[in-house]
């Protein structure tokens, strides 16, 4: 993991298209501004993990439904 130190109003550049800027520091929190192309999805980590869990549940549910349908067809 790369670890960088930045002060308020300083930024880091990721590739040519993504800039992350420190906008403010308030106690133990920092406020970040992210400038990226619209096609780049940006989520807080906990939201991203929740989306992944929901997608996995949907895939598992779909597989279970397909199994039920196929088993029902085999019976007729």
C-alpha atoms as a PDB file:
ATOM      1  CA  UNK A   1       0.000   0.000   0.000  1.00  0.00           C
ATOM      2  CA  UNK A   2       1.276   3.433  -0.902  1.00  0.00           C
ATOM      3  CA  UNK A   3       0.977   5.888   1.986  1.00  0.00           C
ATOM      4  CA  UNK A   4       1.087   9.614   1.252  1.00  0.00           C
ATOM      5  CA  UNK A   5       0.899  12.643   3.515  1.00  0.00           C
ATOM      6  CA  UNK A   6      -1.148  15.591   2.261  1.00  0.00           C
ATOM      7  CA  UNK A   7      -2.214  18.890   3.786  1.00  0.00           C
ATOM      8  CA  UNK A   8      -5.397  20.863   3.219  1.00  0.00           C
ATOM      9  CA  UNK A   9      -5.755  21.889  -0.454  1.00  0.00           C
ATOM     10  CA  UNK A  10      -3.097  19.399  -1.573  1.00  0.00           C
ATOM     11  CA  UNK A  11      -4.001  16.570  -3.926  1.00  0.00           C
ATOM     12  CA  UNK A  12      -2.884  13.296  -5.389  1.00  0.00           C
ATOM     13  CA  UNK A  13      -3.265  12.306  -9.024  1.00  0.00           C
ATOM     14  CA  UNK A  14      -4.254   8.786 -10.090  1.00  0.00           C
ATOM     15  CA  UNK A  15      -3.478   8.224 -13.742  1.00  0.00           C
ATOM     16  CA  UNK A  16      -4.466  11.039 -16.067  1.00  0.00           C
ATOM     17  CA  UNK A  17      -8.121  11.256 -15.091  1.00  0.00           C
ATOM     18  CA  UNK A  18      -8.518  11.057 -11.318  1.00  0.00           C
ATOM     19  CA  UNK A  19      -7.574  13.688  -8.751  1.00  0.00           C
ATOM     20  CA  UNK A  20      -8.218  13.396  -5.016  1.00  0.00           C
ATOM     21  CA  UNK A  21      -7.917  16.639  -3.058  1.00  0.00           C
ATOM     22  CA  UNK A  22      -7.972  17.242   0.695  1.00  0.00           C
ATOM     23  CA  UNK A  23     -10.678  19.876   1.158  1.00  0.00           C
ATOM     24  CA  UNK A  24     -10.772  20.057   4.925  1.00  0.00           C
ATOM     25  CA  UNK A  25      -9.643  18.521   8.178  1.00  0.00           C
ATOM     26  CA  UNK A  26     -12.088  18.491  11.099  1.00  0.00           C
ATOM     27  CA  UNK A  27     -10.928  16.600  14.182  1.00  0.00           C
ATOM     28  CA  UNK A  28     -10.328  12.976  13.221  1.00  0.00           C
ATOM     29  CA  UNK A  29     -12.092  13.320   9.861  1.00  0.00           C
ATOM     30  CA  UNK A  30     -10.929  14.623   6.531  1.00  0.00           C
ATOM     31  CA  UNK A  31     -13.080  15.889   3.693  1.00  0.00           C
ATOM     32  CA  UNK A  32     -11.976  14.684   0.256  1.00  0.00           C
ATOM     33  CA  UNK A  33     -12.917  15.981  -3.156  1.00  0.00           C
ATOM     34  CA  UNK A  34     -12.693  13.488  -6.008  1.00  0.00           C
ATOM     35  CA  UNK A  35     -12.526  14.614  -9.610  1.00  0.00           C
ATOM     36  CA  UNK A  36     -12.998  11.640 -11.943  1.00  0.00           C
ATOM     37  CA  UNK A  37     -14.752  10.817 -15.214  1.00  0.00           C
ATOM     38  CA  UNK A  38     -18.466  10.026 -14.906  1.00  0.00           C
ATOM     39  CA  UNK A  39     -17.899   6.405 -15.995  1.00  0.00           C
ATOM     40  CA  UNK A  40     -15.793   5.756 -12.870  1.00  0.00           C
ATOM     41  CA  UNK A  41     -17.939   4.449 -10.007  1.00  0.00           C
ATOM     42  CA  UNK A  42     -16.959   5.908  -6.636  1.00  0.00           C
ATOM     43  CA  UNK A  43     -18.360   4.511  -3.376  1.00  0.00           C
ATOM     44  CA  UNK A  44     -17.531   4.586   0.288  1.00  0.00           C
ATOM     45  CA  UNK A  45     -15.979   1.200   1.069  1.00  0.00           C
ATOM     46  CA  UNK A  46     -18.850  -0.003   3.294  1.00  0.00           C
ATOM     47  CA  UNK A  47     -21.394   0.821   0.571  1.00  0.00           C
ATOM     48  CA  UNK A  48     -19.287  -0.961  -2.069  1.00  0.00           C
ATOM     49  CA  UNK A  49     -19.090  -4.101   0.096  1.00  0.00           C
ATOM     50  CA  UNK A  50     -22.859  -3.981   0.701  1.00  0.00           C
ATOM     51  CA  UNK A  51     -23.498  -3.767  -3.048  1.00  0.00           C
ATOM     52  CA  UNK A  52     -21.193  -6.750  -3.610  1.00  0.00           C
ATOM     53  CA  UNK A  53     -23.051  -8.772  -0.959  1.00  0.00           C
ATOM     54  CA  UNK A  54     -26.426  -7.912  -2.506  1.00  0.00           C
ATOM     55  CA  UNK A  55     -25.173  -8.869  -5.973  1.00  0.00           C
ATOM     56  CA  UNK A  56     -23.887 -12.208  -4.670  1.00  0.00           C
ATOM     57  CA  UNK A  57     -27.213 -12.888  -2.954  1.00  0.00           C
ATOM     58  CA  UNK A  58     -29.071 -12.091  -6.194  1.00  0.00           C
ATOM     59  CA  UNK A  59     -26.839 -14.457  -8.173  1.00  0.00           C
ATOM     60  CA  UNK A  60     -27.367 -17.226  -5.621  1.00  0.00           C
ATOM     61  CA  UNK A  61     -31.124 -16.642  -5.648  1.00  0.00           C
ATOM     62  CA  UNK A  62     -31.168 -16.753  -9.455  1.00  0.00           C
ATOM     63  CA  UNK A  63     -29.213 -20.022  -9.449  1.00  0.00           C
ATOM     64  CA  UNK A  64     -31.626 -21.495  -6.889  1.00  0.00           C
ATOM     65  CA  UNK A  65     -34.621 -20.452  -8.996  1.00  0.00           C
ATOM     66  CA  UNK A  66     -33.076 -21.975 -12.121  1.00  0.00           C
ATOM     67  CA  UNK A  67     -32.526 -25.230 -10.223  1.00  0.00           C
ATOM     68  CA  UNK A  68     -36.165 -25.246  -9.122  1.00  0.00           C
ATOM     69  CA  UNK A  69     -37.363 -24.605 -12.674  1.00  0.00           C
ATOM     70  CA  UNK A  70     -35.132 -27.312 -14.110  1.00  0.00           C
ATOM     71  CA  UNK A  71     -36.181 -29.807 -11.435  1.00  0.00           C
ATOM     72  CA  UNK A  72     -39.839 -29.018 -12.094  1.00  0.00           C
ATOM     73  CA  UNK A  73     -39.349 -29.590 -15.847  1.00  0.00           C
ATOM     74  CA  UNK A  74     -37.689 -32.948 -15.152  1.00  0.00           C
ATOM     75  CA  UNK A  75     -40.741 -34.093 -13.196  1.00  0.00           C
ATOM     76  CA  UNK A  76     -43.187 -33.442 -16.061  1.00  0.00           C
END
